[in-house]
Amino acid sequence: MHLQRWLAIVAIIGAIIFAIGYGFMPRPVPADIVKVSRGPMSVTIEEEGKTRVKDRFILSAPVAGFMRRIELEAGDPVKKGQP
């Protein structure tokens, strides 16, 4: 009786270890397979993004010109023709 109980516990533990190992086995990933050929490639990504500037730099160029600082904040309304 004692031996049967011990064998049952070992069998259950073995089944659990097997199930965990089977669960972590890598599975094949489906892939598209085509013949390689030369030709033009065009990739377009259309997404909205947000710019986050962490470092500020002062840029200068040897050209004549003047630029005013932008006084608008995020979310300010802008009218047609407004710089």
N, C-alpha and C. Protein backbone atom coordinates (compact mmCIF):
# COMPACT_ATOMS: atom_id res chain seq x y z
N MET A 1 0.84 -1.19 0.00
CA MET A 1 0.00 0.00 0.00
C MET A 1 0.88 1.25 0.00
N HIS A 2 1.90 1.23 0.82
CA HIS A 2 2.78 2.38 0.93
C HIS A 2 3.54 2.60 -0.39
N LEU A 3 3.96 1.52 -1.05
CA LEU A 3 4.68 1.60 -2.31
C LEU A 3 3.78 2.15 -3.42
N GLN A 4 2.52 1.74 -3.44
CA GLN A 4 1.58 2.24 -4.46
C GLN A 4 1.35 3.74 -4.30
N ARG A 5 1.25 4.18 -3.09
CA ARG A 5 1.04 5.62 -2.84
C ARG A 5 2.28 6.40 -3.31
N TRP A 6 3.46 5.89 -3.01
CA TRP A 6 4.71 6.56 -3.40
C TRP A 6 4.82 6.60 -4.93
N LEU A 7 4.49 5.51 -5.62
CA LEU A 7 4.54 5.48 -7.07
C LEU A 7 3.52 6.46 -7.68
N ALA A 8 2.36 6.58 -7.08
CA ALA A 8 1.34 7.52 -7.58
C ALA A 8 1.83 8.96 -7.45
N ILE A 9 2.47 9.29 -6.32
CA ILE A 9 2.99 10.64 -6.13
C ILE A 9 4.10 10.93 -7.14
N VAL A 10 4.99 9.98 -7.34
CA VAL A 10 6.08 10.15 -8.31
C VAL A 10 5.50 10.31 -9.72
N ALA A 11 4.47 9.52 -10.06
CA ALA A 11 3.85 9.62 -11.39
C ALA A 11 3.19 10.98 -11.58
N ILE A 12 2.53 11.50 -10.57
CA ILE A 12 1.89 12.82 -10.66
C ILE A 12 2.94 13.91 -10.82
N ILE A 13 4.00 13.85 -10.03
CA ILE A 13 5.08 14.85 -10.14
C ILE A 13 5.73 14.76 -11.51
N GLY A 14 5.96 13.54 -12.00
CA GLY A 14 6.53 13.37 -13.34
C GLY A 14 5.63 13.95 -14.42
N ALA A 15 4.32 13.75 -14.30
CA ALA A 15 3.37 14.30 -15.27
C ALA A 15 3.38 15.82 -15.24
N ILE A 16 3.47 16.40 -14.05
CA ILE A 16 3.52 17.87 -13.93
C ILE A 16 4.79 18.41 -14.57
N ILE A 17 5.93 17.77 -14.30
CA ILE A 17 7.20 18.21 -14.89
C ILE A 17 7.15 18.08 -16.41
N PHE A 18 6.58 16.98 -16.92
CA PHE A 18 6.44 16.79 -18.36
C PHE A 18 5.55 17.87 -18.97
N ALA A 19 4.44 18.19 -18.32
CA ALA A 19 3.52 19.20 -18.84
C ALA A 19 4.17 20.58 -18.89
N ILE A 20 4.93 20.92 -17.85
CA ILE A 20 5.63 22.21 -17.83
C ILE A 20 6.68 22.25 -18.94
N GLY A 21 7.45 21.18 -19.08
CA GLY A 21 8.46 21.12 -20.13
C GLY A 21 7.84 21.21 -21.52
N TYR A 22 6.72 20.51 -21.73
CA TYR A 22 6.03 20.56 -23.02
C TYR A 22 5.48 21.96 -23.30
N GLY A 23 5.03 22.63 -22.27
CA GLY A 23 4.48 23.98 -22.44
C GLY A 23 5.54 25.00 -22.84
N PHE A 24 6.79 24.80 -22.44
CA PHE A 24 7.86 25.73 -22.76
C PHE A 24 8.63 25.36 -24.02
N MET A 25 8.26 24.30 -24.69
CA MET A 25 8.94 23.92 -25.93
C MET A 25 8.61 24.94 -27.02
N PRO A 26 9.61 25.35 -27.82
CA PRO A 26 9.34 26.31 -28.90
C PRO A 26 8.47 25.67 -29.98
N ARG A 27 7.58 26.47 -30.52
CA ARG A 27 6.70 25.99 -31.57
C ARG A 27 7.08 26.66 -32.88
N PRO A 28 6.89 26.01 -34.00
CA PRO A 28 7.23 26.63 -35.29
C PRO A 28 6.34 27.83 -35.56
N VAL A 29 6.95 28.85 -36.17
CA VAL A 29 6.22 30.08 -36.50
C VAL A 29 5.97 30.07 -38.01
N PRO A 30 4.72 30.26 -38.43
CA PRO A 30 4.46 30.28 -39.88
C PRO A 30 5.16 31.46 -40.54
N ALA A 31 5.72 31.24 -41.72
CA ALA A 31 6.43 32.30 -42.44
C ALA A 31 6.03 32.27 -43.91
N ASP A 32 6.08 33.45 -44.54
CA ASP A 32 5.83 33.54 -45.97
C ASP A 32 7.11 33.20 -46.71
N ILE A 33 7.02 32.34 -47.68
CA ILE A 33 8.18 31.93 -48.45
C ILE A 33 7.92 32.31 -49.90
N VAL A 34 8.81 33.14 -50.46
CA VAL A 34 8.68 33.57 -51.85
C VAL A 34 10.06 33.55 -52.50
N LYS A 35 10.08 33.58 -53.82
CA LYS A 35 11.34 33.61 -54.56
C LYS A 35 11.90 35.03 -54.49
N VAL A 36 13.19 35.16 -54.26
CA VAL A 36 13.85 36.45 -54.16
C VAL A 36 14.07 37.02 -55.55
N SER A 37 13.75 38.33 -55.70
CA SER A 37 13.99 38.99 -56.98
C SER A 37 14.35 40.45 -56.72
N ARG A 38 15.00 41.07 -57.70
CA ARG A 38 15.37 42.48 -57.59
C ARG A 38 14.22 43.33 -58.12
N GLY A 39 14.04 44.51 -57.49
CA GLY A 39 13.01 45.42 -57.94
C GLY A 39 12.90 46.59 -56.98
N PRO A 40 12.11 47.57 -57.34
CA PRO A 40 11.97 48.73 -56.45
C PRO A 40 11.21 48.36 -55.18
N MET A 41 11.57 49.05 -54.11
CA MET A 41 10.90 48.79 -52.84
C MET A 41 10.36 50.11 -52.31
N SER A 42 9.13 50.11 -51.90
CA SER A 42 8.51 51.32 -51.37
C SER A 42 7.79 50.96 -50.08
N VAL A 43 8.16 51.65 -49.00
CA VAL A 43 7.54 51.41 -47.70
C VAL A 43 7.02 52.73 -47.19
N THR A 44 5.77 52.78 -46.79
CA THR A 44 5.16 54.00 -46.27
C THR A 44 4.59 53.72 -44.89
N ILE A 45 4.89 54.62 -43.95
CA ILE A 45 4.35 54.51 -42.61
C ILE A 45 3.60 55.80 -42.32
N GLU A 46 2.33 55.68 -42.02
CA GLU A 46 1.52 56.84 -41.70
C GLU A 46 0.99 56.71 -40.28
N GLU A 47 1.62 57.38 -39.37
CA GLU A 47 1.23 57.35 -37.96
C GLU A 47 1.40 58.74 -37.39
N GLU A 48 0.63 59.04 -36.38
CA GLU A 48 0.82 60.28 -35.67
C GLU A 48 1.85 60.04 -34.58
N GLY A 49 2.68 61.05 -34.35
CA GLY A 49 3.71 60.90 -33.34
C GLY A 49 3.77 62.11 -32.44
N LYS A 50 4.56 62.01 -31.40
CA LYS A 50 4.73 63.10 -30.46
C LYS A 50 6.23 63.28 -30.25
N THR A 51 6.70 64.53 -30.41
CA THR A 51 8.11 64.81 -30.24
C THR A 51 8.38 65.16 -28.78
N ARG A 52 9.38 64.55 -28.23
CA ARG A 52 9.79 64.84 -26.86
C ARG A 52 11.25 65.26 -26.90
N VAL A 53 11.51 66.49 -26.56
CA VAL A 53 12.86 67.02 -26.60
C VAL A 53 13.43 67.02 -25.19
N LYS A 54 14.53 66.32 -25.00
CA LYS A 54 15.16 66.27 -23.69
C LYS A 54 16.33 67.24 -23.61
N ASP A 55 17.07 67.40 -24.71
CA ASP A 55 18.22 68.29 -24.74
C ASP A 55 17.95 69.44 -25.70
N ARG A 56 18.26 70.66 -25.26
CA ARG A 56 18.09 71.82 -26.12
C ARG A 56 19.45 72.23 -26.63
N PHE A 57 19.51 72.62 -27.91
CA PHE A 57 20.74 73.06 -28.53
C PHE A 57 20.48 74.38 -29.23
N ILE A 58 21.48 75.24 -29.25
CA ILE A 58 21.40 76.49 -29.99
C ILE A 58 22.11 76.25 -31.32
N LEU A 59 21.38 76.45 -32.41
CA LEU A 59 21.94 76.24 -33.73
C LEU A 59 22.17 77.59 -34.39
N SER A 60 23.24 77.72 -35.11
CA SER A 60 23.50 78.94 -35.85
C SER A 60 24.03 78.57 -37.23
N ALA A 61 23.72 79.44 -38.20
CA ALA A 61 24.18 79.21 -39.57
C ALA A 61 24.66 80.53 -40.14
N PRO A 62 25.64 80.52 -40.99
CA PRO A 62 26.19 81.75 -41.56
C PRO A 62 25.33 82.31 -42.69
N VAL A 63 24.05 82.57 -42.43
CA VAL A 63 23.16 83.19 -43.42
C VAL A 63 22.43 84.34 -42.78
N ALA A 64 22.04 85.31 -43.61
CA ALA A 64 21.30 86.44 -43.08
C ALA A 64 19.84 86.03 -42.89
N GLY A 65 19.28 86.39 -41.76
CA GLY A 65 17.88 86.06 -41.52
C GLY A 65 17.52 86.35 -40.08
N PHE A 66 16.23 86.29 -39.79
CA PHE A 66 15.74 86.55 -38.44
C PHE A 66 14.58 85.61 -38.17
N MET A 67 14.56 85.04 -37.00
CA MET A 67 13.47 84.14 -36.62
C MET A 67 12.97 84.52 -35.25
N ARG A 68 11.66 84.62 -35.14
CA ARG A 68 11.08 84.93 -33.84
C ARG A 68 10.77 83.63 -33.09
N ARG A 69 10.72 83.72 -31.78
CA ARG A 69 10.37 82.56 -30.97
C ARG A 69 8.89 82.24 -31.15
N ILE A 70 8.58 81.00 -31.08
CA ILE A 70 7.19 80.57 -31.17
C ILE A 70 6.54 80.79 -29.81
N GLU A 71 5.47 81.56 -29.80
CA GLU A 71 4.83 81.90 -28.53
C GLU A 71 3.60 81.04 -28.26
N LEU A 72 3.30 80.11 -29.13
CA LEU A 72 2.14 79.24 -28.94
C LEU A 72 2.49 78.07 -28.03
N GLU A 73 1.51 77.61 -27.33
CA GLU A 73 1.66 76.42 -26.48
C GLU A 73 0.84 75.29 -27.11
N ALA A 74 1.08 74.08 -26.65
CA ALA A 74 0.33 72.94 -27.16
C ALA A 74 -1.16 73.13 -26.87
N GLY A 75 -1.98 72.96 -27.91
CA GLY A 75 -3.42 73.07 -27.75
C GLY A 75 -3.97 74.45 -28.07
N ASP A 76 -3.10 75.46 -28.33
CA ASP A 76 -3.57 76.80 -28.69
C ASP A 76 -4.24 76.76 -30.06
N PRO A 77 -5.36 77.51 -30.23
CA PRO A 77 -6.00 77.56 -31.56
C PRO A 77 -5.14 78.36 -32.53
N VAL A 78 -5.14 77.94 -33.79
CA VAL A 78 -4.37 78.61 -34.84
C VAL A 78 -5.34 79.00 -35.96
N LYS A 79 -5.21 80.24 -36.44
CA LYS A 79 -6.07 80.73 -37.53
C LYS A 79 -5.35 80.56 -38.86
N LYS A 80 -6.13 80.51 -39.94
CA LYS A 80 -5.59 80.35 -41.27
C LYS A 80 -4.69 81.54 -41.60
N GLY A 81 -3.49 81.27 -42.11
CA GLY A 81 -2.53 82.29 -42.48
C GLY A 81 -1.67 82.77 -41.34
N GLN A 82 -1.91 82.31 -40.13
CA GLN A 82 -1.11 82.71 -38.99
C GLN A 82 0.24 82.02 -39.02
N PRO A 83 1.35 82.79 -38.80
CA PRO A 83 2.67 82.14 -38.84
C PRO A 83 2.88 81.25 -37.62
